[in-house]
């Protein structure tokens, strides 16, 4: 199984943790798209700092 690295927010106000996740193979009718980069918006930066979040989506794989 292929692996991918992801930055995950586990605790509000704490640094992101870089982890490896298993990437399942695409199933019938699906495609696999290679993502080279992903951005984090200002709202997500505030969430990382713990200034604009409730913690209801923890852990959270940020970016879009």
PDB file of N, CA and C in Angstrom:
ATOM      1  N   UNK A   1       0.851  -1.181   0.000  1.00  0.00           N
ATOM      2  CA  UNK A   1       0.000   0.000   0.000  1.00  0.00           C
ATOM      3  C   UNK A   1       0.893   1.239   0.000  1.00  0.00           C
ATOM      4  N   UNK A   2       0.497   2.223  -0.780  1.00  0.00           N
ATOM      5  CA  UNK A   2       1.235   3.472  -0.879  1.00  0.00           C
ATOM      6  C   UNK A   2       1.043   4.304   0.390  1.00  0.00           C
ATOM      7  N   UNK A   3       2.070   5.071   0.756  1.00  0.00           N
ATOM      8  CA  UNK A   3       2.017   5.942   1.938  1.00  0.00           C
ATOM      9  C   UNK A   3       2.038   7.405   1.510  1.00  0.00           C
ATOM     10  N   UNK A   4       1.402   8.263   2.313  1.00  0.00           N
ATOM     11  CA  UNK A   4       1.448   9.711   2.103  1.00  0.00           C
ATOM     12  C   UNK A   4       1.785  10.385   3.431  1.00  0.00           C
ATOM     13  N   UNK A   5       2.445  11.541   3.353  1.00  0.00           N
ATOM     14  CA  UNK A   5       2.727  12.323   4.559  1.00  0.00           C
ATOM     15  C   UNK A   5       1.664  13.390   4.704  1.00  0.00           C
ATOM     16  N   UNK A   6       1.217  13.596   5.931  1.00  0.00           N
ATOM     17  CA  UNK A   6       0.159  14.569   6.206  1.00  0.00           C
ATOM     18  C   UNK A   6       0.494  15.359   7.459  1.00  0.00           C
ATOM     19  N   UNK A   7       0.114  16.641   7.466  1.00  0.00           N
ATOM     20  CA  UNK A   7       0.255  17.487   8.649  1.00  0.00           C
ATOM     21  C   UNK A   7      -1.099  17.501   9.355  1.00  0.00           C
ATOM     22  N   UNK A   8      -1.118  17.023  10.595  1.00  0.00           N
ATOM     23  CA  UNK A   8      -2.375  16.848  11.327  1.00  0.00           C
ATOM     24  C   UNK A   8      -2.352  17.679  12.608  1.00  0.00           C
ATOM     25  N   UNK A   9      -3.463  18.355  12.875  1.00  0.00           N
ATOM     26  CA  UNK A   9      -3.642  19.103  14.122  1.00  0.00           C
ATOM     27  C   UNK A   9      -4.309  18.183  15.135  1.00  0.00           C
ATOM     28  N   UNK A  10      -3.571  17.822  16.187  1.00  0.00           N
ATOM     29  CA  UNK A  10      -4.107  16.951  17.233  1.00  0.00           C
ATOM     30  C   UNK A  10      -4.574  17.722  18.458  1.00  0.00           C
ATOM     31  N   UNK A  11      -3.957  18.906  18.706  1.00  0.00           N
ATOM     32  CA  UNK A  11      -4.319  19.724  19.867  1.00  0.00           C
ATOM     33  C   UNK A  11      -4.318  21.194  19.464  1.00  0.00           C
ATOM     34  N   UNK A  12      -5.374  21.909  19.847  1.00  0.00           N
ATOM     35  CA  UNK A  12      -5.435  23.344  19.565  1.00  0.00           C
ATOM     36  C   UNK A  12      -4.276  24.053  20.251  1.00  0.00           C
ATOM     37  N   UNK A  13      -3.671  24.990  19.554  1.00  0.00           N
ATOM     38  CA  UNK A  13      -2.579  25.758  20.133  1.00  0.00           C
ATOM     39  C   UNK A  13      -1.250  25.032  20.144  1.00  0.00           C
ATOM     40  N   UNK A  14      -1.162  23.867  19.501  1.00  0.00           N
ATOM     41  CA  UNK A  14       0.078  23.092  19.444  1.00  0.00           C
ATOM     42  C   UNK A  14       0.496  22.921  17.985  1.00  0.00           C
ATOM     43  N   UNK A  15       1.790  22.673  17.751  1.00  0.00           N
ATOM     44  CA  UNK A  15       2.251  22.496  16.367  1.00  0.00           C
ATOM     45  C   UNK A  15       1.583  21.292  15.695  1.00  0.00           C
ATOM     46  N   UNK A  16       1.520  21.360  14.376  1.00  0.00           N
ATOM     47  CA  UNK A  16       1.030  20.223  13.601  1.00  0.00           C
ATOM     48  C   UNK A  16       2.027  19.075  13.722  1.00  0.00           C
ATOM     49  N   UNK A  17       1.543  17.860  13.613  1.00  0.00           N
ATOM     50  CA  UNK A  17       2.413  16.684  13.610  1.00  0.00           C
ATOM     51  C   UNK A  17       2.399  16.088  12.208  1.00  0.00           C
ATOM     52  N   UNK A  18       3.586  15.786  11.699  1.00  0.00           N
ATOM     53  CA  UNK A  18       3.713  15.157  10.389  1.00  0.00           C
ATOM     54  C   UNK A  18       3.650  13.645  10.597  1.00  0.00           C
ATOM     55  N   UNK A  19       2.675  13.015   9.946  1.00  0.00           N
ATOM     56  CA  UNK A  19       2.498  11.570  10.089  1.00  0.00           C
ATOM     57  C   UNK A  19       2.415  10.936   8.705  1.00  0.00           C
ATOM     58  N   UNK A  20       2.589   9.620   8.662  1.00  0.00           N
ATOM     59  CA  UNK A  20       2.394   8.861   7.434  1.00  0.00           C
ATOM     60  C   UNK A  20       1.076   8.125   7.520  1.00  0.00           C
ATOM     61  N   UNK A  21       0.313   8.193   6.440  1.00  0.00           N
ATOM     62  CA  UNK A  21      -0.965   7.498   6.359  1.00  0.00           C
ATOM     63  C   UNK A  21      -0.930   6.524   5.197  1.00  0.00           C
ATOM     64  N   UNK A  22      -1.649   5.416   5.328  1.00  0.00           N
ATOM     65  CA  UNK A  22      -1.812   4.492   4.213  1.00  0.00           C
ATOM     66  C   UNK A  22      -2.784   5.093   3.211  1.00  0.00           C
ATOM     67  N   UNK A  23      -2.437   4.998   1.949  1.00  0.00           N
ATOM     68  CA  UNK A  23      -3.293   5.502   0.881  1.00  0.00           C
ATOM     69  C   UNK A  23      -3.868   4.306   0.127  1.00  0.00           C
ATOM     70  N   UNK A  24      -5.149   4.034   0.304  1.00  0.00           N
ATOM     71  CA  UNK A  24      -5.725   2.887  -0.390  1.00  0.00           C
ATOM     72  C   UNK A  24      -5.705   3.082  -1.908  1.00  0.00           C
ATOM     73  N   UNK A  25      -5.585   1.992  -2.628  1.00  0.00           N
ATOM     74  CA  UNK A  25      -5.613   2.044  -4.091  1.00  0.00           C
ATOM     75  C   UNK A  25      -7.006   2.469  -4.549  1.00  0.00           C
ATOM     76  N   UNK A  26      -7.076   3.185  -5.665  1.00  0.00           N
ATOM     77  CA  UNK A  26      -8.393   3.582  -6.181  1.00  0.00           C
ATOM     78  C   UNK A  26      -9.231   2.353  -6.539  1.00  0.00           C
ATOM     79  N   UNK A  27     -10.510   2.460  -6.301  1.00  0.00           N
ATOM     80  CA  UNK A  27     -11.425   1.377  -6.649  1.00  0.00           C
ATOM     81  C   UNK A  27     -11.983   1.617  -8.049  1.00  0.00           C
ATOM     82  N   UNK A  28     -12.783   0.691  -8.510  1.00  0.00           N
ATOM     83  CA  UNK A  28     -13.400   0.783  -9.837  1.00  0.00           C
ATOM     84  C   UNK A  28     -14.102   2.134 -10.002  1.00  0.00           C
ATOM     85  N   UNK A  29     -13.805   2.850 -11.079  1.00  0.00           N
ATOM     86  CA  UNK A  29     -14.445   4.134 -11.357  1.00  0.00           C
ATOM     87  C   UNK A  29     -13.812   5.317 -10.642  1.00  0.00           C
ATOM     88  N   UNK A  30     -12.759   5.093  -9.849  1.00  0.00           N
ATOM     89  CA  UNK A  30     -12.065   6.169  -9.140  1.00  0.00           C
ATOM     90  C   UNK A  30     -10.719   6.437  -9.801  1.00  0.00           C
ATOM     91  N   UNK A  31     -10.151   7.602  -9.531  1.00  0.00           N
ATOM     92  CA  UNK A  31      -8.813   7.937 -10.013  1.00  0.00           C
ATOM     93  C   UNK A  31      -7.982   8.431  -8.834  1.00  0.00           C
ATOM     94  N   UNK A  32      -6.679   8.313  -8.950  1.00  0.00           N
ATOM     95  CA  UNK A  32      -5.756   8.815  -7.941  1.00  0.00           C
ATOM     96  C   UNK A  32      -5.106  10.078  -8.492  1.00  0.00           C
ATOM     97  N   UNK A  33      -5.220  11.181  -7.765  1.00  0.00           N
ATOM     98  CA  UNK A  33      -4.663  12.463  -8.184  1.00  0.00           C
ATOM     99  C   UNK A  33      -3.472  12.779  -7.288  1.00  0.00           C
ATOM    100  N   UNK A  34      -2.340  13.095  -7.893  1.00  0.00           N
ATOM    101  CA  UNK A  34      -1.148  13.447  -7.129  1.00  0.00           C
ATOM    102  C   UNK A  34      -1.233  14.913  -6.711  1.00  0.00           C
ATOM    103  N   UNK A  35      -1.221  15.162  -5.409  1.00  0.00           N
ATOM    104  CA  UNK A  35      -1.243  16.525  -4.872  1.00  0.00           C
ATOM    105  C   UNK A  35       0.197  16.920  -4.566  1.00  0.00           C
ATOM    106  N   UNK A  36       0.637  18.000  -5.174  1.00  0.00           N
ATOM    107  CA  UNK A  36       2.010  18.456  -4.972  1.00  0.00           C
ATOM    108  C   UNK A  36       2.095  19.418  -3.793  1.00  0.00           C
ATOM    109  N   UNK A  37       1.064  20.229  -3.610  1.00  0.00           N
ATOM    110  CA  UNK A  37       1.056  21.201  -2.516  1.00  0.00           C
ATOM    111  C   UNK A  37      -0.381  21.493  -2.116  1.00  0.00           C
ATOM    112  N   UNK A  38      -0.532  21.928  -0.880  1.00  0.00           N
ATOM    113  CA  UNK A  38      -1.841  22.319  -0.367  1.00  0.00           C
ATOM    114  C   UNK A  38      -1.650  23.556   0.495  1.00  0.00           C
ATOM    115  N   UNK A  39      -2.602  24.460   0.437  1.00  0.00           N
ATOM    116  CA  UNK A  39      -2.494  25.689   1.218  1.00  0.00           C
ATOM    117  C   UNK A  39      -3.290  25.630   2.507  1.00  0.00           C
ATOM    118  N   UNK A  40      -2.895  26.480   3.439  1.00  0.00           N
ATOM    119  CA  UNK A  40      -3.631  26.642   4.693  1.00  0.00           C
ATOM    120  C   UNK A  40      -4.074  28.100   4.750  1.00  0.00           C
ATOM    121  N   UNK A  41      -5.367  28.328   4.926  1.00  0.00           N
ATOM    122  CA  UNK A  41      -5.897  29.690   4.942  1.00  0.00           C
ATOM    123  C   UNK A  41      -5.713  30.331   6.327  1.00  0.00           C
ATOM    124  N   UNK A  42      -5.996  31.622   6.396  1.00  0.00           N
ATOM    125  CA  UNK A  42      -5.822  32.373   7.642  1.00  0.00           C
ATOM    126  C   UNK A  42      -6.678  31.799   8.774  1.00  0.00           C
ATOM    127  N   UNK A  43      -7.886  31.373   8.463  1.00  0.00           N
ATOM    128  CA  UNK A  43      -8.757  30.784   9.482  1.00  0.00           C
ATOM    129  C   UNK A  43      -8.129  29.528  10.072  1.00  0.00           C
ATOM    130  N   UNK A  44      -7.498  28.721   9.225  1.00  0.00           N
ATOM    131  CA  UNK A  44      -6.852  27.510   9.722  1.00  0.00           C
ATOM    132  C   UNK A  44      -5.609  27.839  10.542  1.00  0.00           C
ATOM    133  N   UNK A  45      -4.894  28.910  10.193  1.00  0.00           N
ATOM    134  CA  UNK A  45      -3.761  29.337  11.019  1.00  0.00           C
ATOM    135  C   UNK A  45      -4.236  29.711  12.423  1.00  0.00           C
ATOM    136  N   UNK A  46      -5.373  30.400  12.505  1.00  0.00           N
ATOM    137  CA  UNK A  46      -5.932  30.742  13.816  1.00  0.00           C
ATOM    138  C   UNK A  46      -6.345  29.479  14.569  1.00  0.00           C
ATOM    139  N   UNK A  47      -6.867  28.498  13.849  1.00  0.00           N
ATOM    140  CA  UNK A  47      -7.248  27.231  14.478  1.00  0.00           C
ATOM    141  C   UNK A  47      -6.021  26.524  15.054  1.00  0.00           C
ATOM    142  N   UNK A  48      -4.921  26.517  14.310  1.00  0.00           N
ATOM    143  CA  UNK A  48      -3.685  25.907  14.796  1.00  0.00           C
ATOM    144  C   UNK A  48      -3.240  26.595  16.084  1.00  0.00           C
ATOM    145  N   UNK A  49      -3.352  27.932  16.122  1.00  0.00           N
ATOM    146  CA  UNK A  49      -2.966  28.689  17.315  1.00  0.00           C
ATOM    147  C   UNK A  49      -3.954  28.514  18.465  1.00  0.00           C
ATOM    148  N   UNK A  50      -5.131  27.962  18.165  1.00  0.00           N
ATOM    149  CA  UNK A  50      -6.151  27.791  19.194  1.00  0.00           C
ATOM    150  C   UNK A  50      -6.971  29.042  19.426  1.00  0.00           C
ATOM    151  N   UNK A  51      -6.920  29.997  18.494  1.00  0.00           N
ATOM    152  CA  UNK A  51      -7.604  31.284  18.664  1.00  0.00           C
ATOM    153  C   UNK A  51      -8.981  31.342  18.005  1.00  0.00           C
ATOM    154  N   UNK A  52      -9.297  30.387  17.152  1.00  0.00           N
ATOM    155  CA  UNK A  52     -10.556  30.465  16.411  1.00  0.00           C
ATOM    156  C   UNK A  52     -11.113  29.063  16.178  1.00  0.00           C
ATOM    157  N   UNK A  53     -11.231  28.292  17.231  1.00  0.00           N
ATOM    158  CA  UNK A  53     -11.695  26.920  17.029  1.00  0.00           C
ATOM    159  C   UNK A  53     -12.363  26.390  18.283  1.00  0.00           C
ATOM    160  N   UNK A  54     -13.223  25.426  18.082  1.00  0.00           N
ATOM    161  CA  UNK A  54     -13.908  24.791  19.205  1.00  0.00           C
ATOM    162  C   UNK A  54     -13.275  23.461  19.573  1.00  0.00           C
ATOM    163  N   UNK A  55     -12.450  22.920  18.682  1.00  0.00           N
ATOM    164  CA  UNK A  55     -11.864  21.614  18.930  1.00  0.00           C
ATOM    165  C   UNK A  55     -12.775  20.474  18.534  1.00  0.00           C
ATOM    166  N   UNK A  56     -13.893  20.791  17.889  1.00  0.00           N
ATOM    167  CA  UNK A  56     -14.853  19.750  17.536  1.00  0.00           C
ATOM    168  C   UNK A  56     -14.394  18.895  16.359  1.00  0.00           C
ATOM    169  N   UNK A  57     -13.359  19.337  15.654  1.00  0.00           N
ATOM    170  CA  UNK A  57     -12.862  18.577  14.504  1.00  0.00           C
ATOM    171  C   UNK A  57     -11.423  18.125  14.735  1.00  0.00           C
ATOM    172  N   UNK A  58     -11.134  17.640  15.910  1.00  0.00           N
ATOM    173  CA  UNK A  58      -9.794  17.185  16.257  1.00  0.00           C
ATOM    174  C   UNK A  58      -9.801  15.661  16.299  1.00  0.00           C
ATOM    175  N   UNK A  59      -8.869  14.961  15.691  1.00  0.00           N
ATOM    176  CA  UNK A  59      -7.773  15.483  14.878  1.00  0.00           C
ATOM    177  C   UNK A  59      -8.277  16.026  13.550  1.00  0.00           C
ATOM    178  N   UNK A  60      -7.487  16.945  12.976  1.00  0.00           N
ATOM    179  CA  UNK A  60      -7.895  17.623  11.752  1.00  0.00           C
ATOM    180  C   UNK A  60      -6.732  17.658  10.775  1.00  0.00           C
ATOM    181  N   UNK A  61      -6.950  17.132   9.583  1.00  0.00           N
ATOM    182  CA  UNK A  61      -5.981  17.204   8.505  1.00  0.00           C
ATOM    183  C   UNK A  61      -6.306  18.475   7.723  1.00  0.00           C
ATOM    184  N   UNK A  62      -5.502  19.506   7.921  1.00  0.00           N
ATOM    185  CA  UNK A  62      -5.797  20.831   7.377  1.00  0.00           C
ATOM    186  C   UNK A  62      -5.361  20.973   5.926  1.00  0.00           C
ATOM    187  N   UNK A  63      -5.825  22.030   5.306  1.00  0.00           N
ATOM    188  CA  UNK A  63      -5.416  22.375   3.948  1.00  0.00           C
ATOM    189  C   UNK A  63      -6.550  22.235   2.964  1.00  0.00           C
ATOM    190  N   UNK A  64      -6.498  23.075   1.960  1.00  0.00           N
ATOM    191  CA  UNK A  64      -7.449  22.992   0.849  1.00  0.00           C
ATOM    192  C   UNK A  64      -6.972  23.839  -0.308  1.00  0.00           C
TER     193      UNK A  64
END
